[in-house]
Amino acid sequence: MAAESENQDQTDKRLLEQIQQGDQLAAQEIFSRYSQRLLTTAHKRLAGLFASRVDPEDIVQSTFKSFFRRAGNGGYLAPEAGDLFNLLVNIAMRKVNARVDYHQAASRDVRKTVSVDDFNAPAINDEQKLRELMLTIEDICQPLSETQRQIIHLRLEGFSVSEIADQCGRSKRTVERELQNFRKQLCSHFEP
């Protein structure tokens, strides 16, 4: 097995050198060797909310385009053991993260939209809904003060307004006002 890995590393090194010399067959060999594994990796990363917005095949194509452009200009040294695939994964994940960031920007935020296909899709189970809600709550709480976050978390844990006021050293009215502000933010987050 180690000999097979060593042979592949030597082949990767030779293929990269050939790509730097403009050999298209070497580029095809690299593509056929790693494209399926890279597609599987991109598909796993994009599962869930972004599956309808970003095509893993587009990510793989863009990854190889970037790789071959830079490799053709001598931008990469001959790889060590397993480094070529790791390099391709690194490029792909940067592209995935850029697309995810793009689709989470204000008016495009995938978490605030629903496609027609979503109505026909199988229902998301309650555990997934709860996990998504908790992530949304964490996002909303992030810019808040420590006391505001504590009030919200205590309420989520089931404490009464009086108990929260006692624990946080705030008046009941202040606690109620903070909770009401949080509810408004949460509701506005889910409005189209």
N, C-alpha and C. Protein backbone atom coordinates (compact mmCIF):
# COMPACT_ATOMS: atom_id res chain seq x y z
N MET A 1 0.82 -1.18 0.00
CA MET A 1 0.00 0.00 0.00
C MET A 1 0.87 1.26 0.00
N ALA A 2 1.94 1.26 0.81
CA ALA A 2 2.85 2.41 0.86
C ALA A 2 3.53 2.60 -0.48
N ALA A 3 3.87 1.48 -1.16
CA ALA A 3 4.51 1.58 -2.47
C ALA A 3 3.56 2.20 -3.49
N GLU A 4 2.27 1.85 -3.39
CA GLU A 4 1.27 2.41 -4.31
C GLU A 4 1.13 3.91 -4.10
N SER A 5 1.11 4.34 -2.82
CA SER A 5 1.01 5.77 -2.50
C SER A 5 2.25 6.51 -3.00
N GLU A 6 3.43 5.88 -2.83
CA GLU A 6 4.67 6.50 -3.28
C GLU A 6 4.67 6.64 -4.80
N ASN A 7 4.18 5.62 -5.51
CA ASN A 7 4.10 5.68 -6.98
C ASN A 7 3.16 6.80 -7.41
N GLN A 8 2.03 6.95 -6.72
CA GLN A 8 1.08 8.00 -7.07
C GLN A 8 1.71 9.37 -6.84
N ASP A 9 2.45 9.52 -5.74
CA ASP A 9 3.11 10.79 -5.45
C ASP A 9 4.13 11.12 -6.54
N GLN A 10 4.88 10.12 -6.98
CA GLN A 10 5.85 10.33 -8.06
C GLN A 10 5.14 10.70 -9.35
N THR A 11 3.99 10.04 -9.60
CA THR A 11 3.21 10.34 -10.80
C THR A 11 2.66 11.76 -10.72
N ASP A 12 2.17 12.16 -9.54
CA ASP A 12 1.67 13.52 -9.37
C ASP A 12 2.78 14.53 -9.66
N LYS A 13 3.96 14.24 -9.15
CA LYS A 13 5.10 15.13 -9.37
C LYS A 13 5.41 15.24 -10.85
N ARG A 14 5.44 14.10 -11.54
CA ARG A 14 5.72 14.09 -12.98
C ARG A 14 4.63 14.81 -13.75
N LEU A 15 3.37 14.56 -13.39
CA LEU A 15 2.26 15.20 -14.07
C LEU A 15 2.28 16.72 -13.88
N LEU A 16 2.59 17.17 -12.69
CA LEU A 16 2.66 18.61 -12.44
C LEU A 16 3.77 19.25 -13.29
N GLU A 17 4.88 18.58 -13.38
CA GLU A 17 5.97 19.09 -14.22
C GLU A 17 5.52 19.15 -15.69
N GLN A 18 4.78 18.15 -16.14
CA GLN A 18 4.29 18.14 -17.52
C GLN A 18 3.26 19.26 -17.75
N ILE A 19 2.42 19.51 -16.76
CA ILE A 19 1.45 20.60 -16.87
C ILE A 19 2.18 21.93 -17.01
N GLN A 20 3.26 22.09 -16.27
CA GLN A 20 4.04 23.32 -16.34
C GLN A 20 4.67 23.50 -17.72
N GLN A 21 4.81 22.39 -18.45
CA GLN A 21 5.34 22.45 -19.81
C GLN A 21 4.22 22.54 -20.85
N GLY A 22 2.95 22.62 -20.38
CA GLY A 22 1.82 22.79 -21.28
C GLY A 22 1.19 21.50 -21.78
N ASP A 23 1.47 20.37 -21.16
CA ASP A 23 0.93 19.07 -21.59
C ASP A 23 -0.53 18.93 -21.15
N GLN A 24 -1.46 18.94 -22.11
CA GLN A 24 -2.89 18.83 -21.82
C GLN A 24 -3.28 17.43 -21.34
N LEU A 25 -2.57 16.42 -21.81
CA LEU A 25 -2.87 15.06 -21.36
C LEU A 25 -2.57 14.89 -19.87
N ALA A 26 -1.53 15.54 -19.40
CA ALA A 26 -1.21 15.49 -17.97
C ALA A 26 -2.32 16.17 -17.16
N ALA A 27 -2.85 17.27 -17.68
CA ALA A 27 -3.95 17.96 -17.00
C ALA A 27 -5.19 17.06 -16.95
N GLN A 28 -5.46 16.36 -18.03
CA GLN A 28 -6.60 15.44 -18.07
C GLN A 28 -6.41 14.31 -17.05
N GLU A 29 -5.20 13.83 -16.93
CA GLU A 29 -4.91 12.75 -15.98
C GLU A 29 -5.15 13.22 -14.54
N ILE A 30 -4.67 14.42 -14.21
CA ILE A 30 -4.90 14.98 -12.87
C ILE A 30 -6.40 15.13 -12.62
N PHE A 31 -7.11 15.65 -13.62
CA PHE A 31 -8.55 15.85 -13.47
C PHE A 31 -9.26 14.52 -13.24
N SER A 32 -8.96 13.53 -14.05
CA SER A 32 -9.65 12.24 -13.90
C SER A 32 -9.28 11.54 -12.59
N ARG A 33 -8.09 11.78 -12.09
CA ARG A 33 -7.64 11.15 -10.85
C ARG A 33 -8.33 11.73 -9.63
N TYR A 34 -8.58 13.04 -9.61
CA TYR A 34 -9.04 13.68 -8.39
C TYR A 34 -10.43 14.31 -8.46
N SER A 35 -11.02 14.42 -9.63
CA SER A 35 -12.28 15.16 -9.73
C SER A 35 -13.42 14.52 -8.93
N GLN A 36 -13.55 13.21 -8.96
CA GLN A 36 -14.65 12.56 -8.24
C GLN A 36 -14.51 12.72 -6.73
N ARG A 37 -13.29 12.55 -6.22
CA ARG A 37 -13.07 12.73 -4.78
C ARG A 37 -13.34 14.17 -4.36
N LEU A 38 -12.94 15.10 -5.21
CA LEU A 38 -13.16 16.51 -4.92
C LEU A 38 -14.65 16.85 -4.98
N LEU A 39 -15.37 16.26 -5.92
CA LEU A 39 -16.81 16.47 -6.04
C LEU A 39 -17.52 15.96 -4.78
N THR A 40 -17.12 14.79 -4.29
CA THR A 40 -17.70 14.23 -3.08
C THR A 40 -17.46 15.16 -1.89
N THR A 41 -16.26 15.69 -1.78
CA THR A 41 -15.91 16.60 -0.69
C THR A 41 -16.75 17.88 -0.77
N ALA A 42 -16.86 18.46 -1.96
CA ALA A 42 -17.65 19.69 -2.13
C ALA A 42 -19.12 19.43 -1.84
N HIS A 43 -19.62 18.29 -2.28
CA HIS A 43 -21.03 17.95 -2.07
C HIS A 43 -21.34 17.85 -0.58
N LYS A 44 -20.45 17.24 0.19
CA LYS A 44 -20.65 17.12 1.64
C LYS A 44 -20.68 18.49 2.30
N ARG A 45 -19.79 19.36 1.87
CA ARG A 45 -19.70 20.70 2.47
C ARG A 45 -20.93 21.55 2.15
N LEU A 46 -21.52 21.33 0.98
CA LEU A 46 -22.65 22.14 0.55
C LEU A 46 -24.01 21.55 0.90
N ALA A 47 -24.04 20.42 1.56
CA ALA A 47 -25.32 19.79 1.92
C ALA A 47 -26.11 20.73 2.81
N GLY A 48 -27.40 20.63 2.73
CA GLY A 48 -28.27 21.44 3.58
C GLY A 48 -28.76 22.68 2.87
N LEU A 49 -28.63 23.82 3.54
CA LEU A 49 -29.19 25.07 3.04
C LEU A 49 -28.66 25.49 1.68
N PHE A 50 -27.42 25.19 1.38
CA PHE A 50 -26.80 25.73 0.18
C PHE A 50 -26.88 24.80 -1.02
N ALA A 51 -27.42 23.61 -0.83
CA ALA A 51 -27.49 22.64 -1.92
C ALA A 51 -28.28 23.16 -3.11
N SER A 52 -29.30 23.96 -2.86
CA SER A 52 -30.10 24.47 -3.97
C SER A 52 -29.49 25.70 -4.61
N ARG A 53 -28.50 26.30 -3.98
CA ARG A 53 -27.92 27.54 -4.48
C ARG A 53 -26.57 27.36 -5.16
N VAL A 54 -25.81 26.36 -4.74
CA VAL A 54 -24.45 26.19 -5.24
C VAL A 54 -24.28 24.76 -5.73
N ASP A 55 -23.83 24.63 -6.96
CA ASP A 55 -23.63 23.31 -7.56
C ASP A 55 -22.20 22.84 -7.27
N PRO A 56 -22.04 21.69 -6.61
CA PRO A 56 -20.69 21.19 -6.32
C PRO A 56 -19.85 21.01 -7.59
N GLU A 57 -20.49 20.67 -8.69
CA GLU A 57 -19.73 20.51 -9.94
C GLU A 57 -19.12 21.83 -10.39
N ASP A 58 -19.83 22.94 -10.15
CA ASP A 58 -19.28 24.26 -10.48
C ASP A 58 -18.04 24.54 -9.63
N ILE A 59 -18.11 24.14 -8.36
CA ILE A 59 -16.97 24.33 -7.47
C ILE A 59 -15.77 23.54 -7.98
N VAL A 60 -15.99 22.29 -8.37
CA VAL A 60 -14.90 21.43 -8.86
C VAL A 60 -14.31 22.02 -10.14
N GLN A 61 -15.15 22.45 -11.06
CA GLN A 61 -14.66 23.04 -12.32
C GLN A 61 -13.83 24.29 -12.04
N SER A 62 -14.34 25.14 -11.16
CA SER A 62 -13.63 26.37 -10.83
C SER A 62 -12.30 26.07 -10.12
N THR A 63 -12.31 25.04 -9.28
CA THR A 63 -11.08 24.64 -8.58
C THR A 63 -10.01 24.22 -9.57
N PHE A 64 -10.39 23.35 -10.50
CA PHE A 64 -9.40 22.89 -11.48
C PHE A 64 -8.96 24.02 -12.41
N LYS A 65 -9.87 24.92 -12.74
CA LYS A 65 -9.49 26.06 -13.59
C LYS A 65 -8.41 26.89 -12.89
N SER A 66 -8.64 27.20 -11.61
CA SER A 66 -7.65 27.97 -10.84
C SER A 66 -6.33 27.20 -10.71
N PHE A 67 -6.45 25.92 -10.41
CA PHE A 67 -5.25 25.11 -10.23
C PHE A 67 -4.42 25.05 -11.52
N PHE A 68 -5.08 24.75 -12.66
CA PHE A 68 -4.34 24.61 -13.92
C PHE A 68 -3.75 25.94 -14.38
N ARG A 69 -4.46 27.02 -14.14
CA ARG A 69 -3.92 28.33 -14.53
C ARG A 69 -2.63 28.62 -13.76
N ARG A 70 -2.68 28.40 -12.45
CA ARG A 70 -1.49 28.69 -11.64
C ARG A 70 -0.39 27.65 -11.88
N ALA A 71 -0.78 26.38 -12.02
CA ALA A 71 0.22 25.33 -12.26
C ALA A 71 0.92 25.56 -13.59
N GLY A 72 0.18 26.00 -14.60
CA GLY A 72 0.78 26.27 -15.91
C GLY A 72 1.79 27.39 -15.89
N ASN A 73 1.64 28.30 -14.92
CA ASN A 73 2.58 29.41 -14.78
C ASN A 73 3.72 29.09 -13.81
N GLY A 74 3.78 27.82 -13.37
CA GLY A 74 4.84 27.41 -12.44
C GLY A 74 4.58 27.82 -11.01
N GLY A 75 3.32 28.05 -10.66
CA GLY A 75 2.96 28.53 -9.33
C GLY A 75 3.01 27.49 -8.23
N TYR A 76 3.16 26.21 -8.57
CA TYR A 76 3.20 25.17 -7.55
C TYR A 76 4.47 24.35 -7.71
N LEU A 77 5.05 23.99 -6.56
CA LEU A 77 6.21 23.11 -6.57
C LEU A 77 5.71 21.67 -6.63
N ALA A 78 6.64 20.77 -6.96
CA ALA A 78 6.28 19.35 -7.01
C ALA A 78 5.77 18.92 -5.64
N PRO A 79 4.62 18.24 -5.58
CA PRO A 79 3.99 17.91 -4.30
C PRO A 79 4.68 16.79 -3.56
N GLU A 80 4.56 16.86 -2.24
CA GLU A 80 4.99 15.76 -1.38
C GLU A 80 3.84 14.77 -1.28
N ALA A 81 4.00 13.73 -0.47
CA ALA A 81 3.00 12.68 -0.35
C ALA A 81 1.62 13.23 -0.02
N GLY A 82 0.66 12.99 -0.91
CA GLY A 82 -0.73 13.37 -0.70
C GLY A 82 -1.02 14.85 -0.78
N ASP A 83 -0.01 15.66 -1.03
CA ASP A 83 -0.20 17.10 -1.00
C ASP A 83 -1.02 17.64 -2.17
N LEU A 84 -0.99 16.99 -3.31
CA LEU A 84 -1.72 17.51 -4.46
C LEU A 84 -3.22 17.49 -4.19
N PHE A 85 -3.73 16.38 -3.70
CA PHE A 85 -5.16 16.33 -3.40
C PHE A 85 -5.50 17.32 -2.28
N ASN A 86 -4.65 17.41 -1.27
CA ASN A 86 -4.90 18.37 -0.18
C ASN A 86 -4.92 19.80 -0.70
N LEU A 87 -4.05 20.11 -1.65
CA LEU A 87 -4.04 21.43 -2.26
C LEU A 87 -5.36 21.69 -2.99
N LEU A 88 -5.82 20.71 -3.76
CA LEU A 88 -7.08 20.85 -4.49
C LEU A 88 -8.26 21.03 -3.52
N VAL A 89 -8.26 20.29 -2.42
CA VAL A 89 -9.33 20.43 -1.42
C VAL A 89 -9.28 21.82 -0.82
N ASN A 90 -8.10 22.32 -0.53
CA ASN A 90 -7.94 23.65 0.04
C ASN A 90 -8.51 24.71 -0.91
N ILE A 91 -8.18 24.62 -2.18
CA ILE A 91 -8.71 25.56 -3.18
C ILE A 91 -10.24 25.46 -3.22
N ALA A 92 -10.74 24.23 -3.26
CA ALA A 92 -12.20 24.01 -3.34
C ALA A 92 -12.90 24.57 -2.12
N MET A 93 -12.37 24.35 -0.93
CA MET A 93 -13.03 24.83 0.28
C MET A 93 -13.05 26.35 0.35
N ARG A 94 -12.01 26.99 -0.17
CA ARG A 94 -12.02 28.46 -0.22
C ARG A 94 -13.12 28.95 -1.16
N LYS A 95 -13.30 28.24 -2.25
CA LYS A 95 -14.36 28.61 -3.20
C LYS A 95 -15.73 28.34 -2.58
N VAL A 96 -15.88 27.23 -1.90
CA VAL A 96 -17.15 26.92 -1.23
C VAL A 96 -17.46 28.00 -0.20
N ASN A 97 -16.48 28.35 0.63
CA ASN A 97 -16.71 29.36 1.67
C ASN A 97 -17.06 30.72 1.06
N ALA A 98 -16.43 31.05 -0.07
CA ALA A 98 -16.76 32.31 -0.73
C ALA A 98 -18.20 32.30 -1.23
N ARG A 99 -18.63 31.17 -1.79
CA ARG A 99 -20.02 31.08 -2.28
C ARG A 99 -21.01 31.11 -1.12
N VAL A 100 -20.68 30.43 -0.02
CA VAL A 100 -21.55 30.44 1.16
C VAL A 100 -21.67 31.87 1.69
N ASP A 101 -20.53 32.58 1.80
CA ASP A 101 -20.57 33.97 2.25
C ASP A 101 -21.44 34.82 1.33
N TYR A 102 -21.31 34.61 0.04
CA TYR A 102 -22.10 35.36 -0.94
C TYR A 102 -23.59 35.11 -0.72
N HIS A 103 -23.96 33.86 -0.50
CA HIS A 103 -25.38 33.52 -0.35
C HIS A 103 -25.92 33.79 1.05
N GLN A 104 -25.08 34.25 1.96
CA GLN A 104 -25.55 34.64 3.28
C GLN A 104 -25.59 36.16 3.42
N ALA A 105 -25.17 36.87 2.38
CA ALA A 105 -25.21 38.32 2.44
C ALA A 105 -26.65 38.80 2.51
N ALA A 106 -26.86 39.88 3.20
CA ALA A 106 -28.16 40.48 3.51
C ALA A 106 -29.35 40.03 2.67
N SER A 107 -29.53 40.59 1.50
CA SER A 107 -30.75 40.30 0.74
C SER A 107 -30.75 38.93 0.07
N ARG A 108 -29.59 38.28 -0.02
CA ARG A 108 -29.52 36.96 -0.64
C ARG A 108 -29.52 35.84 0.39
N ASP A 109 -29.61 36.18 1.65
CA ASP A 109 -29.43 35.20 2.71
C ASP A 109 -30.34 33.99 2.51
N VAL A 110 -29.73 32.86 2.23
CA VAL A 110 -30.46 31.63 1.94
C VAL A 110 -31.32 31.20 3.12
N ARG A 111 -30.95 31.60 4.31
CA ARG A 111 -31.72 31.23 5.49
C ARG A 111 -33.05 31.98 5.57
N LYS A 112 -33.19 33.05 4.76
CA LYS A 112 -34.42 33.84 4.78
C LYS A 112 -35.31 33.59 3.58
N THR A 113 -34.91 32.73 2.69
CA THR A 113 -35.69 32.48 1.48
C THR A 113 -36.13 31.03 1.40
N VAL A 114 -37.16 30.82 0.61
CA VAL A 114 -37.67 29.47 0.40
C VAL A 114 -37.89 29.32 -1.10
N SER A 115 -37.40 28.25 -1.67
CA SER A 115 -37.63 28.01 -3.09
C SER A 115 -38.90 27.18 -3.27
N VAL A 116 -39.41 27.17 -4.48
CA VAL A 116 -40.60 26.39 -4.79
C VAL A 116 -40.35 24.92 -4.51
N ASP A 117 -39.15 24.45 -4.78
CA ASP A 117 -38.81 23.04 -4.54
C ASP A 117 -38.89 22.68 -3.06
N ASP A 118 -38.67 23.67 -2.18
CA ASP A 118 -38.70 23.40 -0.75
C ASP A 118 -40.09 22.97 -0.29
N PHE A 119 -41.14 23.42 -0.99
CA PHE A 119 -42.48 23.02 -0.62
C PHE A 119 -42.74 21.55 -0.91
N ASN A 120 -42.05 21.03 -1.91
CA ASN A 120 -42.20 19.63 -2.27
C ASN A 120 -41.18 18.72 -1.60
N ALA A 121 -40.20 19.33 -0.96
CA ALA A 121 -39.13 18.55 -0.33
C ALA A 121 -39.67 17.88 0.93
N PRO A 122 -39.05 16.77 1.33
CA PRO A 122 -39.46 16.13 2.58
C PRO A 122 -39.26 17.09 3.75
N ALA A 123 -40.12 17.01 4.72
CA ALA A 123 -40.06 17.91 5.86
C ALA A 123 -38.77 17.70 6.65
N ILE A 124 -38.25 18.80 7.14
CA ILE A 124 -37.06 18.74 7.99
C ILE A 124 -37.53 18.29 9.37
N ASN A 125 -36.79 17.38 9.96
CA ASN A 125 -37.23 16.89 11.27
C ASN A 125 -37.05 17.96 12.35
N ASP A 126 -37.72 17.75 13.47
CA ASP A 126 -37.74 18.75 14.54
C ASP A 126 -36.36 19.04 15.09
N GLU A 127 -35.51 18.03 15.14
CA GLU A 127 -34.16 18.23 15.66
C GLU A 127 -33.37 19.19 14.76
N GLN A 128 -33.52 19.04 13.45
CA GLN A 128 -32.84 19.94 12.52
C GLN A 128 -33.39 21.36 12.64
N LYS A 129 -34.71 21.48 12.79
CA LYS A 129 -35.32 22.80 12.95
C LYS A 129 -34.80 23.47 14.21
N LEU A 130 -34.74 22.71 15.29
CA LEU A 130 -34.25 23.26 16.55
C LEU A 130 -32.80 23.69 16.43
N ARG A 131 -31.98 22.89 15.77
CA ARG A 131 -30.57 23.23 15.58
C ARG A 131 -30.43 24.53 14.78
N GLU A 132 -31.21 24.66 13.70
CA GLU A 132 -31.18 25.88 12.88
C GLU A 132 -31.64 27.09 13.70
N LEU A 133 -32.70 26.90 14.50
CA LEU A 133 -33.19 28.00 15.33
C LEU A 133 -32.13 28.42 16.34
N MET A 134 -31.47 27.46 16.96
CA MET A 134 -30.44 27.80 17.95
C MET A 134 -29.27 28.53 17.31
N LEU A 135 -28.90 28.14 16.09
CA LEU A 135 -27.83 28.85 15.37
C LEU A 135 -28.26 30.28 15.06
N THR A 136 -29.51 30.45 14.67
CA THR A 136 -30.03 31.78 14.38
C THR A 136 -30.03 32.64 15.64
N ILE A 137 -30.45 32.05 16.75
CA ILE A 137 -30.45 32.78 18.02
C ILE A 137 -29.04 33.19 18.39
N GLU A 138 -28.08 32.30 18.21
CA GLU A 138 -26.68 32.63 18.51
C GLU A 138 -26.19 33.77 17.63
N ASP A 139 -26.57 33.77 16.35
CA ASP A 139 -26.19 34.85 15.44
C ASP A 139 -26.75 36.19 15.91
N ILE A 140 -28.03 36.18 16.31
CA ILE A 140 -28.67 37.41 16.77
C ILE A 140 -28.05 37.89 18.07
N CYS A 141 -27.69 36.96 18.95
CA CYS A 141 -27.13 37.32 20.25
C CYS A 141 -25.69 37.80 20.19
N GLN A 142 -25.00 37.48 19.13
CA GLN A 142 -23.57 37.78 19.05
C GLN A 142 -23.23 39.25 19.32
N PRO A 143 -23.93 40.22 18.72
CA PRO A 143 -23.55 41.62 18.98
C PRO A 143 -24.08 42.18 20.30
N LEU A 144 -24.88 41.42 21.02
CA LEU A 144 -25.48 41.90 22.27
C LEU A 144 -24.47 41.89 23.41
N SER A 145 -24.80 42.63 24.46
CA SER A 145 -23.93 42.65 25.64
C SER A 145 -24.04 41.31 26.38
N GLU A 146 -23.11 41.09 27.28
CA GLU A 146 -23.10 39.85 28.06
C GLU A 146 -24.39 39.71 28.87
N THR A 147 -24.84 40.79 29.46
CA THR A 147 -26.08 40.75 30.26
C THR A 147 -27.29 40.44 29.37
N GLN A 148 -27.37 41.06 28.20
CA GLN A 148 -28.48 40.79 27.29
C GLN A 148 -28.49 39.31 26.88
N ARG A 149 -27.31 38.78 26.56
CA ARG A 149 -27.22 37.36 26.19
C ARG A 149 -27.64 36.47 27.35
N GLN A 150 -27.22 36.83 28.56
CA GLN A 150 -27.57 36.03 29.73
C GLN A 150 -29.09 36.02 29.94
N ILE A 151 -29.73 37.15 29.77
CA ILE A 151 -31.19 37.23 29.92
C ILE A 151 -31.87 36.30 28.92
N ILE A 152 -31.44 36.34 27.70
CA ILE A 152 -32.05 35.52 26.65
C ILE A 152 -31.82 34.04 26.92
N HIS A 153 -30.59 33.68 27.26
CA HIS A 153 -30.28 32.27 27.51
C HIS A 153 -31.04 31.72 28.73
N LEU A 154 -31.16 32.53 29.76
CA LEU A 154 -31.92 32.09 30.93
C LEU A 154 -33.39 31.87 30.57
N ARG A 155 -33.94 32.77 29.74
CA ARG A 155 -35.34 32.61 29.34
C ARG A 155 -35.50 31.35 28.51
N LEU A 156 -34.53 31.07 27.63
CA LEU A 156 -34.59 29.85 26.82
C LEU A 156 -34.50 28.59 27.69
N GLU A 157 -33.85 28.72 28.82
CA GLU A 157 -33.73 27.59 29.75
C GLU A 157 -34.98 27.44 30.61
N GLY A 158 -35.95 28.36 30.47
CA GLY A 158 -37.21 28.21 31.17
C GLY A 158 -37.37 29.03 32.44
N PHE A 159 -36.42 29.90 32.73
CA PHE A 159 -36.54 30.73 33.93
C PHE A 159 -37.61 31.79 33.73
N SER A 160 -38.29 32.16 34.82
CA SER A 160 -39.32 33.21 34.76
C SER A 160 -38.64 34.58 34.71
N VAL A 161 -39.41 35.60 34.35
CA VAL A 161 -38.88 36.97 34.29
C VAL A 161 -38.35 37.39 35.66
N SER A 162 -39.08 37.04 36.73
CA SER A 162 -38.64 37.39 38.09
C SER A 162 -37.31 36.72 38.44
N GLU A 163 -37.19 35.45 38.11
CA GLU A 163 -35.96 34.72 38.39
C GLU A 163 -34.78 35.30 37.60
N ILE A 164 -35.04 35.66 36.35
CA ILE A 164 -33.97 36.25 35.52
C ILE A 164 -33.55 37.60 36.10
N ALA A 165 -34.53 38.40 36.50
CA ALA A 165 -34.23 39.71 37.09
C ALA A 165 -33.35 39.56 38.33
N ASP A 166 -33.66 38.58 39.17
CA ASP A 166 -32.87 38.33 40.37
C ASP A 166 -31.45 37.89 40.01
N GLN A 167 -31.32 36.96 39.08
CA GLN A 167 -30.00 36.43 38.72
C GLN A 167 -29.12 37.47 38.03
N CYS A 168 -29.73 38.35 37.22
CA CYS A 168 -28.95 39.32 36.45
C CYS A 168 -28.80 40.66 37.16
N GLY A 169 -29.53 40.82 38.27
CA GLY A 169 -29.45 42.09 39.00
C GLY A 169 -30.10 43.23 38.23
N ARG A 170 -31.16 42.94 37.52
CA ARG A 170 -31.89 43.94 36.73
C ARG A 170 -33.35 43.95 37.18
N SER A 171 -34.06 45.01 36.83
CA SER A 171 -35.49 45.06 37.17
C SER A 171 -36.27 44.15 36.24
N LYS A 172 -37.46 43.75 36.70
CA LYS A 172 -38.31 42.91 35.86
C LYS A 172 -38.65 43.64 34.55
N ARG A 173 -38.87 44.95 34.62
CA ARG A 173 -39.20 45.73 33.41
C ARG A 173 -38.04 45.70 32.41
N THR A 174 -36.82 45.82 32.90
CA THR A 174 -35.65 45.76 32.01
C THR A 174 -35.56 44.40 31.34
N VAL A 175 -35.77 43.34 32.10
CA VAL A 175 -35.74 41.99 31.55
C VAL A 175 -36.82 41.84 30.49
N GLU A 176 -38.04 42.30 30.79
CA GLU A 176 -39.14 42.21 29.83
C GLU A 176 -38.82 42.98 28.55
N ARG A 177 -38.24 44.18 28.70
CA ARG A 177 -37.88 45.00 27.54
C ARG A 177 -36.81 44.30 26.69
N GLU A 178 -35.81 43.71 27.33
CA GLU A 178 -34.76 43.00 26.58
C GLU A 178 -35.33 41.80 25.83
N LEU A 179 -36.22 41.08 26.49
CA LEU A 179 -36.84 39.92 25.84
C LEU A 179 -37.72 40.35 24.68
N GLN A 180 -38.45 41.45 24.85
CA GLN A 180 -39.30 41.95 23.77
C GLN A 180 -38.44 42.40 22.58
N ASN A 181 -37.33 43.09 22.84
CA ASN A 181 -36.42 43.51 21.75
C ASN A 181 -35.87 42.29 21.03
N PHE A 182 -35.52 41.26 21.79
CA PHE A 182 -35.00 40.05 21.18
C PHE A 182 -36.05 39.39 20.29
N ARG A 183 -37.29 39.31 20.78
CA ARG A 183 -38.37 38.71 19.97
C ARG A 183 -38.56 39.46 18.67
N LYS A 184 -38.48 40.79 18.71
CA LYS A 184 -38.62 41.60 17.49
C LYS A 184 -37.49 41.27 16.51
N GLN A 185 -36.26 41.18 17.03
CA GLN A 185 -35.12 40.84 16.17
C GLN A 185 -35.29 39.45 15.56
N LEU A 186 -35.73 38.52 16.36
CA LEU A 186 -35.91 37.15 15.88
C LEU A 186 -36.99 37.11 14.81
N CYS A 187 -38.09 37.79 15.05
CA CYS A 187 -39.18 37.82 14.05
C CYS A 187 -38.72 38.49 12.77
N SER A 188 -38.00 39.60 12.87
CA SER A 188 -37.54 40.29 11.66
C SER A 188 -36.54 39.45 10.88
N HIS A 189 -35.83 38.59 11.59
CA HIS A 189 -34.86 37.72 10.92
C HIS A 189 -35.57 36.75 9.98
N PHE A 190 -36.76 36.32 10.33
CA PHE A 190 -37.48 35.34 9.53
C PHE A 190 -38.47 35.96 8.55
N GLU A 191 -38.63 37.28 8.60
CA GLU A 191 -39.51 37.94 7.63
C GLU A 191 -38.83 37.96 6.28
N PRO A 192 -39.59 37.80 5.18
CA PRO A 192 -38.99 37.83 3.84
C PRO A 192 -38.50 39.21 3.47
